[in-house]
Amino acid sequence: MKNIQVLIFEIVIAGLMVWFGLSGRKILFLLGPRSGTISLGIIGMLLCTLSVGKFISAAPAHPLTILGYIFGIVAMIAFLSQIFRWKLPFIGDARTALIILAVCMIAKSTIARFSYLLAK
């Protein structure tokens, strides 16, 4: 696995954001799970350029890229459901959306570590 430092960084960031969001205390600008989800969504979009975002130019139809798309779509729906306060069946709750977003973010970063499997 290449570039394992980015994966470790994303795991730490996602873990801290989930912990801060679910703790119930005001920590910096995080007032609860909704603000934690929105903050983690913004951070996740920025870090996507270091992960699966690199796959798109190399092999847009590779199975790992498609798996990254799927996790990205789920993460984006969780993020947008909190911004616009959508009442979706599983992601409408802020706590669930925060956890789903963190899991998707870590899954995408893990997929990106296998970029050496792409045919170049």
Protein backbone atom coordinates (compact mmCIF):
# COMPACT_ATOMS: atom_id res chain seq x y z
CA MET A 1 0.00 0.00 0.00
CA LYS A 2 1.35 3.35 -1.04
CA ASN A 3 1.21 6.60 0.88
CA ILE A 4 -0.06 5.14 4.13
CA GLN A 5 0.46 8.46 5.94
CA VAL A 6 -2.54 9.99 4.18
CA LEU A 7 -4.73 7.05 5.27
CA ILE A 8 -3.59 7.42 8.88
CA PHE A 9 -4.21 11.18 8.73
CA GLU A 10 -7.74 10.67 7.38
CA ILE A 11 -8.53 8.05 10.03
CA VAL A 12 -7.37 10.40 12.78
CA ILE A 13 -9.31 13.37 11.36
CA ALA A 14 -12.48 11.31 10.85
CA GLY A 15 -12.21 9.78 14.32
CA LEU A 16 -11.72 13.14 16.00
CA MET A 17 -14.58 14.74 14.10
CA VAL A 18 -16.93 11.88 15.03
CA TRP A 19 -15.83 12.01 18.64
CA PHE A 20 -16.21 15.80 18.80
CA GLY A 21 -19.57 15.68 17.01
CA LEU A 22 -21.03 12.98 19.24
CA SER A 23 -19.57 14.20 22.55
CA GLY A 24 -22.32 16.75 23.13
CA ARG A 25 -19.86 19.47 24.18
CA LYS A 26 -18.98 22.61 22.26
CA ILE A 27 -15.49 22.19 20.85
CA LEU A 28 -14.30 25.08 18.68
CA PHE A 29 -16.97 25.46 15.98
CA LEU A 30 -18.49 21.98 16.46
CA LEU A 31 -21.78 22.29 18.30
CA GLY A 32 -23.06 18.77 17.69
CA PRO A 33 -23.38 16.01 15.12
CA ARG A 34 -24.85 18.23 12.39
CA SER A 35 -21.98 20.71 12.43
CA GLY A 36 -19.56 17.78 12.71
CA THR A 37 -21.07 16.21 9.59
CA ILE A 38 -20.85 19.45 7.64
CA SER A 39 -17.25 20.05 8.75
CA LEU A 40 -16.20 16.48 7.99
CA GLY A 41 -17.89 16.72 4.58
CA ILE A 42 -15.87 19.79 3.69
CA ILE A 43 -12.64 18.18 4.91
CA GLY A 44 -13.52 14.98 3.03
CA MET A 45 -14.01 16.84 -0.23
CA LEU A 46 -10.63 18.50 0.18
CA LEU A 47 -8.89 15.22 0.99
CA CYS A 48 -10.57 13.43 -1.92
CA THR A 49 -7.97 14.96 -4.21
CA LEU A 50 -5.36 12.90 -2.37
CA SER A 51 -7.31 9.66 -2.64
CA VAL A 52 -9.78 8.34 -5.22
CA GLY A 53 -9.70 11.66 -7.06
CA LYS A 54 -6.40 10.51 -8.58
CA PHE A 55 -8.04 7.40 -10.07
CA ILE A 56 -10.37 9.32 -12.35
CA SER A 57 -7.72 10.46 -14.77
CA ALA A 58 -5.89 7.12 -14.76
CA ALA A 59 -8.80 4.69 -15.19
CA PRO A 60 -12.34 6.10 -14.95
CA ALA A 61 -14.04 2.73 -15.48
CA HIS A 62 -11.82 0.59 -13.23
CA PRO A 63 -13.73 -1.35 -10.53
CA LEU A 64 -11.81 0.39 -7.73
CA THR A 65 -12.73 3.77 -9.22
CA ILE A 66 -16.39 2.77 -9.46
CA LEU A 67 -16.31 1.60 -5.83
CA GLY A 68 -14.86 5.00 -4.92
CA TYR A 69 -17.69 6.69 -6.82
CA ILE A 70 -20.25 4.70 -4.83
CA PHE A 71 -18.71 5.60 -1.47
CA GLY A 72 -18.40 9.21 -2.62
CA ILE A 73 -22.07 9.38 -3.58
CA VAL A 74 -23.15 7.99 -0.20
CA ALA A 75 -20.84 10.44 1.58
CA MET A 76 -22.15 13.34 -0.49
CA ILE A 77 -25.77 12.41 0.24
CA ALA A 78 -24.98 12.26 3.98
CA PHE A 79 -23.27 15.64 3.76
CA LEU A 80 -26.04 17.31 1.75
CA SER A 81 -28.77 15.84 3.95
CA GLN A 82 -27.34 17.80 6.87
CA ILE A 83 -26.77 21.02 4.95
CA PHE A 84 -30.32 21.13 3.60
CA ARG A 85 -31.92 19.24 6.54
CA TRP A 86 -33.34 16.54 4.31
CA LYS A 87 -35.31 13.87 6.18
CA LEU A 88 -33.95 10.81 4.37
CA PRO A 89 -34.66 7.34 5.79
CA PHE A 90 -31.24 6.34 7.18
CA ILE A 91 -29.13 9.44 6.73
CA GLY A 92 -31.62 12.05 7.97
CA ASP A 93 -30.44 11.71 11.57
CA ALA A 94 -27.33 13.83 12.19
CA ARG A 95 -25.57 11.19 14.31
CA THR A 96 -26.06 8.49 11.69
CA ALA A 97 -25.00 10.84 8.89
CA LEU A 98 -21.80 11.70 10.74
CA ILE A 99 -20.87 8.06 11.24
CA ILE A 100 -21.76 7.11 7.64
CA LEU A 101 -19.74 10.02 6.29
CA ALA A 102 -16.70 9.04 8.37
CA VAL A 103 -16.91 5.39 7.28
CA CYS A 104 -17.24 6.37 3.61
CA MET A 105 -14.31 8.75 3.90
CA ILE A 106 -12.07 6.07 5.42
CA ALA A 107 -13.25 3.49 2.87
CA LYS A 108 -12.43 5.84 -0.03
CA SER A 109 -8.99 6.51 1.39
CA THR A 110 -8.37 2.79 1.83
CA ILE A 111 -9.40 2.14 -1.78
CA ALA A 112 -7.01 4.85 -2.93
CA ARG A 113 -4.06 3.08 -1.34
CA PHE A 114 -4.47 0.34 -3.98
CA SER A 115 -3.82 2.72 -6.88
CA TYR A 116 -0.83 0.62 -7.93
CA LEU A 117 -3.29 -2.03 -9.19
CA LEU A 118 -4.47 0.28 -11.96
CA ALA A 119 -3.21 -0.45 -15.43
CA LYS A 120 -1.19 2.53 -16.55
